[in-house]
N, C-alpha and C. Protein backbone atom coordinates (compact mmCIF):
# COMPACT_ATOMS: atom_id res chain seq x y z
N GLN A 1 6.33 -10.03 17.09
CA GLN A 1 5.11 -9.33 16.72
C GLN A 1 5.39 -8.43 15.52
N VAL A 2 4.56 -8.58 14.50
CA VAL A 2 4.73 -7.78 13.29
C VAL A 2 4.33 -6.34 13.55
N LYS A 3 5.13 -5.42 13.04
CA LYS A 3 4.84 -4.00 13.17
C LYS A 3 4.95 -3.35 11.80
N VAL A 4 4.02 -2.46 11.51
CA VAL A 4 3.98 -1.76 10.23
C VAL A 4 3.91 -0.26 10.50
N VAL A 5 4.80 0.50 9.88
CA VAL A 5 4.83 1.94 10.08
C VAL A 5 4.99 2.63 8.73
N GLU A 6 4.05 3.53 8.41
CA GLU A 6 4.14 4.29 7.17
C GLU A 6 4.69 5.68 7.44
N SER A 7 5.23 6.27 6.37
CA SER A 7 5.64 7.67 6.43
C SER A 7 5.71 8.22 5.02
N GLY A 8 5.86 9.52 4.93
CA GLY A 8 6.09 10.14 3.63
C GLY A 8 4.93 10.94 3.08
N GLY A 9 3.79 10.91 3.75
CA GLY A 9 2.67 11.70 3.27
C GLY A 9 2.96 13.18 3.33
N ASN A 10 2.35 13.94 2.40
CA ASN A 10 2.64 15.37 2.35
C ASN A 10 1.60 16.06 1.47
N LEU A 11 1.72 17.37 1.41
CA LEU A 11 0.93 18.18 0.49
C LEU A 11 1.75 18.36 -0.78
N VAL A 12 1.12 18.06 -1.91
CA VAL A 12 1.84 18.16 -3.19
C VAL A 12 0.89 18.73 -4.24
N GLN A 13 1.45 19.39 -5.23
CA GLN A 13 0.61 19.97 -6.28
C GLN A 13 0.27 18.93 -7.34
N VAL A 14 -0.77 19.21 -8.06
CA VAL A 14 -1.19 18.33 -9.15
C VAL A 14 -0.01 18.10 -10.10
N GLY A 15 0.16 16.83 -10.48
CA GLY A 15 1.25 16.48 -11.37
C GLY A 15 2.55 16.15 -10.67
N GLY A 16 2.59 16.39 -9.36
CA GLY A 16 3.78 16.12 -8.60
C GLY A 16 3.93 14.66 -8.21
N SER A 17 4.96 14.37 -7.43
CA SER A 17 5.27 13.01 -7.02
C SER A 17 5.50 12.93 -5.52
N LEU A 18 5.23 11.75 -4.98
CA LEU A 18 5.54 11.45 -3.59
C LEU A 18 6.00 10.01 -3.52
N ASN A 19 6.86 9.73 -2.56
CA ASN A 19 7.32 8.37 -2.34
C ASN A 19 7.02 7.99 -0.89
N LEU A 20 5.97 7.20 -0.70
CA LEU A 20 5.62 6.76 0.64
C LEU A 20 6.47 5.56 1.04
N SER A 21 6.76 5.48 2.33
CA SER A 21 7.54 4.36 2.86
C SER A 21 6.72 3.58 3.86
N CYS A 22 7.00 2.30 3.93
CA CYS A 22 6.32 1.42 4.88
C CYS A 22 7.36 0.42 5.41
N THR A 23 7.60 0.47 6.69
CA THR A 23 8.56 -0.44 7.29
C THR A 23 7.81 -1.59 7.95
N VAL A 24 8.16 -2.79 7.56
CA VAL A 24 7.56 -4.00 8.12
C VAL A 24 8.64 -4.74 8.90
N SER A 25 8.39 -5.00 10.17
CA SER A 25 9.38 -5.67 11.01
C SER A 25 8.69 -6.68 11.90
N GLY A 26 9.49 -7.57 12.49
CA GLY A 26 8.97 -8.51 13.47
C GLY A 26 8.82 -9.94 13.00
N ARG A 27 8.96 -10.18 11.71
CA ARG A 27 8.90 -11.55 11.19
C ARG A 27 10.05 -11.74 10.21
N ASN A 28 10.75 -12.81 10.40
CA ASN A 28 11.90 -13.10 9.54
C ASN A 28 11.46 -14.03 8.43
N SER A 29 10.81 -13.49 7.44
CA SER A 29 10.28 -14.28 6.34
C SER A 29 10.13 -13.42 5.10
N ASP A 30 10.34 -14.03 3.94
CA ASP A 30 10.13 -13.33 2.68
C ASP A 30 8.78 -13.68 2.07
N ASP A 31 8.03 -14.53 2.73
CA ASP A 31 6.74 -14.99 2.18
C ASP A 31 5.62 -14.20 2.83
N TYR A 32 5.32 -13.04 2.26
CA TYR A 32 4.26 -12.21 2.81
C TYR A 32 3.66 -11.36 1.70
N THR A 33 2.55 -10.78 2.02
CA THR A 33 1.85 -9.89 1.09
C THR A 33 1.73 -8.52 1.73
N VAL A 34 1.95 -7.50 0.92
CA VAL A 34 1.80 -6.12 1.37
C VAL A 34 0.78 -5.42 0.50
N GLY A 35 -0.04 -4.64 1.14
CA GLY A 35 -1.01 -3.85 0.40
C GLY A 35 -0.94 -2.39 0.81
N TRP A 36 -1.07 -1.52 -0.18
CA TRP A 36 -1.27 -0.10 0.08
C TRP A 36 -2.75 0.19 -0.17
N PHE A 37 -3.38 0.76 0.83
CA PHE A 37 -4.79 1.12 0.75
C PHE A 37 -4.94 2.61 0.99
N ARG A 38 -6.07 3.15 0.61
CA ARG A 38 -6.35 4.56 0.90
C ARG A 38 -7.81 4.71 1.25
N ARG A 39 -8.05 5.76 2.04
CA ARG A 39 -9.42 6.02 2.48
C ARG A 39 -9.65 7.52 2.49
N THR A 40 -10.81 7.93 1.99
CA THR A 40 -11.24 9.32 2.07
C THR A 40 -12.45 9.40 2.98
N PRO A 41 -12.71 10.55 3.59
CA PRO A 41 -13.84 10.68 4.52
C PRO A 41 -15.15 10.21 3.91
N GLY A 42 -15.86 9.37 4.63
CA GLY A 42 -17.16 8.91 4.18
C GLY A 42 -17.13 7.73 3.23
N ASN A 43 -15.93 7.26 2.90
CA ASN A 43 -15.82 6.15 1.95
C ASN A 43 -15.14 4.94 2.58
N GLU A 44 -15.43 3.80 1.99
CA GLU A 44 -14.71 2.60 2.37
C GLU A 44 -13.27 2.71 1.86
N ARG A 45 -12.40 1.97 2.46
CA ARG A 45 -11.02 1.96 1.96
C ARG A 45 -10.96 1.32 0.57
N GLU A 46 -9.94 1.69 -0.15
CA GLU A 46 -9.73 1.17 -1.50
C GLU A 46 -8.34 0.58 -1.59
N GLY A 47 -8.23 -0.61 -2.12
CA GLY A 47 -6.93 -1.21 -2.33
C GLY A 47 -6.23 -0.54 -3.49
N VAL A 48 -5.10 0.08 -3.26
CA VAL A 48 -4.38 0.81 -4.31
C VAL A 48 -3.47 -0.13 -5.08
N ILE A 49 -2.59 -0.80 -4.37
CA ILE A 49 -1.69 -1.77 -5.01
C ILE A 49 -1.29 -2.79 -3.96
N CYS A 50 -1.31 -4.05 -4.34
CA CYS A 50 -1.05 -5.14 -3.41
C CYS A 50 -0.11 -6.13 -4.07
N ARG A 51 0.79 -6.67 -3.30
CA ARG A 51 1.75 -7.58 -3.90
C ARG A 51 2.17 -8.68 -2.93
N LYS A 52 2.15 -9.90 -3.45
CA LYS A 52 2.71 -11.03 -2.73
C LYS A 52 4.12 -11.21 -3.25
N TRP A 53 5.11 -11.04 -2.38
CA TRP A 53 6.48 -10.97 -2.85
C TRP A 53 7.03 -12.32 -3.31
N SER A 54 6.66 -13.41 -2.68
CA SER A 54 7.10 -14.71 -3.19
C SER A 54 6.10 -15.14 -4.24
N GLY A 55 6.53 -15.12 -5.48
CA GLY A 55 5.61 -15.43 -6.58
C GLY A 55 5.29 -14.22 -7.42
N GLY A 56 5.32 -13.03 -6.80
CA GLY A 56 5.17 -11.79 -7.56
C GLY A 56 3.77 -11.41 -7.96
N THR A 57 2.76 -12.03 -7.36
CA THR A 57 1.39 -11.63 -7.68
C THR A 57 1.16 -10.18 -7.30
N THR A 58 0.68 -9.38 -8.25
CA THR A 58 0.44 -7.96 -8.03
C THR A 58 -0.96 -7.60 -8.48
N ALA A 59 -1.63 -6.82 -7.66
CA ALA A 59 -2.97 -6.33 -8.00
C ALA A 59 -3.00 -4.83 -7.75
N TYR A 60 -3.88 -4.11 -8.45
CA TYR A 60 -3.92 -2.67 -8.27
C TYR A 60 -5.28 -2.13 -8.72
N THR A 61 -5.52 -0.90 -8.35
CA THR A 61 -6.74 -0.24 -8.79
C THR A 61 -6.50 0.44 -10.12
N ASP A 62 -7.53 0.47 -10.96
CA ASP A 62 -7.38 0.96 -12.33
C ASP A 62 -6.82 2.37 -12.40
N SER A 63 -7.23 3.22 -11.48
CA SER A 63 -6.90 4.64 -11.60
C SER A 63 -5.42 4.96 -11.41
N ILE A 64 -4.64 4.03 -10.87
CA ILE A 64 -3.23 4.31 -10.63
C ILE A 64 -2.31 3.66 -11.65
N LYS A 65 -2.90 2.93 -12.57
CA LYS A 65 -2.08 2.21 -13.55
C LYS A 65 -1.19 3.16 -14.32
N GLY A 66 0.10 2.83 -14.36
CA GLY A 66 1.07 3.66 -15.07
C GLY A 66 1.58 4.83 -14.26
N ARG A 67 1.01 5.06 -13.09
CA ARG A 67 1.43 6.21 -12.27
C ARG A 67 2.09 5.79 -10.96
N PHE A 68 1.61 4.72 -10.35
CA PHE A 68 2.13 4.27 -9.05
C PHE A 68 2.91 2.97 -9.23
N THR A 69 3.98 2.84 -8.48
CA THR A 69 4.73 1.59 -8.47
C THR A 69 5.10 1.22 -7.04
N ILE A 70 5.27 -0.06 -6.80
CA ILE A 70 5.64 -0.56 -5.49
C ILE A 70 7.01 -1.22 -5.60
N SER A 71 7.85 -1.00 -4.61
CA SER A 71 9.15 -1.63 -4.57
C SER A 71 9.53 -1.86 -3.12
N ARG A 72 10.71 -2.48 -2.91
CA ARG A 72 11.09 -2.73 -1.53
C ARG A 72 12.61 -2.87 -1.39
N ASP A 73 13.08 -2.62 -0.19
CA ASP A 73 14.44 -2.91 0.23
C ASP A 73 14.36 -3.89 1.39
N VAL A 74 15.13 -4.96 1.31
CA VAL A 74 15.08 -5.98 2.35
C VAL A 74 16.39 -5.95 3.13
N ALA A 75 16.27 -5.83 4.45
CA ALA A 75 17.45 -5.85 5.30
C ALA A 75 18.01 -7.26 5.38
N LYS A 76 19.20 -7.36 5.86
CA LYS A 76 19.86 -8.65 6.00
C LYS A 76 19.00 -9.60 6.81
N ASN A 77 18.91 -10.85 6.36
CA ASN A 77 18.14 -11.91 7.04
C ASN A 77 16.64 -11.60 7.10
N ASN A 78 16.16 -10.75 6.23
CA ASN A 78 14.73 -10.42 6.17
C ASN A 78 14.18 -9.88 7.48
N ALA A 79 15.05 -9.38 8.35
CA ALA A 79 14.57 -8.91 9.66
C ALA A 79 13.66 -7.69 9.54
N GLN A 80 13.89 -6.90 8.52
CA GLN A 80 13.06 -5.71 8.32
C GLN A 80 13.02 -5.41 6.83
N THR A 81 11.85 -5.01 6.38
CA THR A 81 11.66 -4.66 4.98
C THR A 81 11.07 -3.27 4.90
N THR A 82 11.56 -2.48 3.97
CA THR A 82 10.96 -1.18 3.70
C THR A 82 10.32 -1.23 2.32
N LEU A 83 9.03 -0.99 2.30
CA LEU A 83 8.29 -0.95 1.06
C LEU A 83 8.11 0.51 0.65
N TYR A 84 8.07 0.74 -0.64
CA TYR A 84 7.89 2.09 -1.17
C TYR A 84 6.71 2.12 -2.12
N LEU A 85 5.95 3.17 -2.02
CA LEU A 85 4.90 3.43 -3.00
C LEU A 85 5.26 4.75 -3.68
N LEU A 86 5.79 4.64 -4.89
CA LEU A 86 6.15 5.83 -5.66
C LEU A 86 4.94 6.27 -6.45
N MET A 87 4.51 7.48 -6.18
CA MET A 87 3.30 8.00 -6.82
C MET A 87 3.68 9.17 -7.71
N ASN A 88 3.46 9.01 -8.99
CA ASN A 88 3.75 10.07 -9.97
C ASN A 88 2.46 10.61 -10.56
N SER A 89 2.57 11.76 -11.19
CA SER A 89 1.43 12.38 -11.87
C SER A 89 0.20 12.43 -10.97
N LEU A 90 0.40 12.91 -9.78
CA LEU A 90 -0.67 12.90 -8.79
C LEU A 90 -1.83 13.79 -9.20
N LYS A 91 -3.02 13.33 -8.84
CA LYS A 91 -4.26 14.03 -9.16
C LYS A 91 -5.00 14.36 -7.86
N PRO A 92 -5.90 15.34 -7.90
CA PRO A 92 -6.66 15.66 -6.68
C PRO A 92 -7.40 14.45 -6.11
N GLU A 93 -7.87 13.57 -6.98
CA GLU A 93 -8.60 12.40 -6.50
C GLU A 93 -7.71 11.37 -5.81
N ASP A 94 -6.39 11.59 -5.83
CA ASP A 94 -5.48 10.73 -5.07
C ASP A 94 -5.39 11.16 -3.60
N THR A 95 -5.98 12.28 -3.28
CA THR A 95 -5.97 12.76 -1.90
C THR A 95 -6.68 11.77 -0.98
N ALA A 96 -5.98 11.34 0.05
CA ALA A 96 -6.53 10.34 0.97
C ALA A 96 -5.52 10.08 2.08
N VAL A 97 -5.97 9.34 3.08
CA VAL A 97 -5.03 8.76 4.04
C VAL A 97 -4.61 7.41 3.46
N TYR A 98 -3.32 7.22 3.36
CA TYR A 98 -2.79 5.99 2.79
C TYR A 98 -2.29 5.08 3.91
N TYR A 99 -2.68 3.83 3.80
CA TYR A 99 -2.33 2.83 4.80
C TYR A 99 -1.53 1.70 4.15
N CYS A 100 -0.58 1.21 4.91
CA CYS A 100 0.17 0.03 4.51
C CYS A 100 -0.28 -1.13 5.39
N ALA A 101 -0.45 -2.28 4.78
CA ALA A 101 -0.87 -3.46 5.52
C ALA A 101 0.00 -4.64 5.11
N ALA A 102 0.27 -5.52 6.06
CA ALA A 102 1.08 -6.69 5.78
C ALA A 102 0.41 -7.94 6.33
N ASP A 103 0.65 -9.04 5.66
CA ASP A 103 0.11 -10.32 6.13
C ASP A 103 1.07 -11.43 5.82
N PHE A 104 1.37 -12.24 6.83
CA PHE A 104 2.29 -13.36 6.67
C PHE A 104 1.56 -14.70 6.66
N ASP A 105 0.24 -14.67 6.77
CA ASP A 105 -0.51 -15.92 6.90
C ASP A 105 -1.21 -16.35 5.61
N GLY A 106 -1.17 -15.50 4.60
CA GLY A 106 -1.78 -15.86 3.33
C GLY A 106 -2.96 -14.98 2.99
N VAL A 107 -2.88 -14.28 1.87
CA VAL A 107 -3.95 -13.40 1.40
C VAL A 107 -4.65 -14.07 0.21
N ASP A 108 -5.96 -14.10 0.26
CA ASP A 108 -6.74 -14.67 -0.83
C ASP A 108 -6.98 -13.58 -1.88
N PHE A 109 -6.23 -13.64 -2.99
CA PHE A 109 -6.37 -12.63 -4.04
C PHE A 109 -7.68 -12.76 -4.81
N ASN A 110 -8.44 -13.81 -4.53
CA ASN A 110 -9.73 -13.95 -5.19
C ASN A 110 -10.86 -13.32 -4.40
N ARG A 111 -10.54 -12.85 -3.20
CA ARG A 111 -11.59 -12.23 -2.38
C ARG A 111 -11.92 -10.85 -2.96
N PRO A 112 -13.22 -10.55 -3.08
CA PRO A 112 -13.62 -9.25 -3.63
C PRO A 112 -13.08 -8.09 -2.81
N PRO A 113 -12.85 -6.94 -3.44
CA PRO A 113 -12.26 -5.79 -2.74
C PRO A 113 -13.24 -5.08 -1.82
N ASP A 114 -12.71 -4.13 -1.05
CA ASP A 114 -13.58 -3.30 -0.22
C ASP A 114 -14.49 -2.47 -1.11
N ARG A 115 -13.91 -1.80 -2.09
CA ARG A 115 -14.69 -0.98 -3.02
C ARG A 115 -13.81 -0.63 -4.21
N GLY A 116 -14.44 -0.12 -5.25
CA GLY A 116 -13.71 0.45 -6.37
C GLY A 116 -13.31 -0.57 -7.42
N ARG A 117 -12.74 -0.04 -8.50
CA ARG A 117 -12.29 -0.86 -9.61
C ARG A 117 -10.85 -1.29 -9.34
N THR A 118 -10.71 -2.21 -8.42
CA THR A 118 -9.41 -2.70 -8.01
C THR A 118 -9.41 -4.21 -7.95
N SER A 119 -8.24 -4.78 -8.24
CA SER A 119 -8.10 -6.23 -8.08
C SER A 119 -7.42 -6.57 -6.76
N CYS A 120 -7.15 -5.57 -5.94
CA CYS A 120 -6.62 -5.84 -4.59
C CYS A 120 -7.73 -6.48 -3.76
N PRO A 121 -7.43 -7.56 -3.09
CA PRO A 121 -8.46 -8.19 -2.26
C PRO A 121 -8.83 -7.33 -1.07
N HIS A 122 -9.92 -7.69 -0.45
CA HIS A 122 -10.45 -6.97 0.70
C HIS A 122 -9.40 -6.79 1.79
N GLY A 123 -9.44 -5.61 2.43
CA GLY A 123 -8.47 -5.30 3.46
C GLY A 123 -8.51 -6.23 4.67
N ALA A 124 -9.63 -6.90 4.88
CA ALA A 124 -9.73 -7.82 6.01
C ALA A 124 -8.80 -9.02 5.87
N GLU A 125 -8.23 -9.20 4.67
CA GLU A 125 -7.27 -10.29 4.47
C GLU A 125 -5.94 -10.02 5.17
N TYR A 126 -5.71 -8.75 5.55
CA TYR A 126 -4.43 -8.38 6.14
C TYR A 126 -4.56 -8.29 7.65
N ASN A 127 -3.57 -8.79 8.38
CA ASN A 127 -3.72 -8.81 9.82
C ASN A 127 -2.91 -7.75 10.55
N THR A 128 -2.09 -6.99 9.86
CA THR A 128 -1.33 -5.93 10.53
C THR A 128 -1.35 -4.67 9.68
N TRP A 129 -1.74 -3.57 10.32
CA TRP A 129 -1.89 -2.29 9.62
C TRP A 129 -1.04 -1.21 10.28
N GLY A 130 -0.62 -0.27 9.45
CA GLY A 130 0.03 0.91 9.96
C GLY A 130 -0.99 1.96 10.36
N GLN A 131 -0.48 3.08 10.82
CA GLN A 131 -1.35 4.13 11.36
C GLN A 131 -1.88 5.07 10.27
N GLY A 132 -1.32 5.03 9.09
CA GLY A 132 -1.77 5.87 7.99
C GLY A 132 -0.94 7.13 7.84
N THR A 133 -0.88 7.64 6.63
CA THR A 133 -0.17 8.88 6.35
C THR A 133 -0.98 9.68 5.33
N GLN A 134 -1.14 10.97 5.58
CA GLN A 134 -2.01 11.81 4.76
C GLN A 134 -1.30 12.29 3.50
N VAL A 135 -1.97 12.08 2.39
CA VAL A 135 -1.51 12.62 1.10
C VAL A 135 -2.57 13.60 0.61
N THR A 136 -2.16 14.82 0.34
CA THR A 136 -3.08 15.84 -0.16
C THR A 136 -2.52 16.40 -1.45
N VAL A 137 -3.33 16.33 -2.50
CA VAL A 137 -2.93 16.84 -3.80
C VAL A 137 -3.76 18.09 -4.09
N SER A 138 -3.10 19.21 -4.22
CA SER A 138 -3.80 20.48 -4.42
C SER A 138 -3.77 20.88 -5.89
N SER A 139 -4.86 21.48 -6.32
CA SER A 139 -4.95 21.91 -7.72
C SER A 139 -4.66 23.39 -7.86
């Protein structure tokens, strides 16, 4: 059974940085897609950055371009992967609950997003989600 756990959310000042972590376990495969999403009260979730690791397809929302990057560490035999979302030059509008999602069955990158100016496909494409971690950027 696939399990996804995020961590690393915190309160940070404008212009600061945070590095969120997402541990994906339970499937021994390198062929999967991971998405970082965020949600603010009263809004639909927004795909922040999404990546299919085999093939390297990457999608992201316009507002994070040049500021956020995604990376990963893979344990031996692909038994567990830790994904990172490095967020630099944080702005108040980055404040949200951030969620990590993983899918091993295939994500359709042509599917329209939940909302926003993002090329990340709709969150319904992902079948396993973490519990979320709060990021608050104070001005």
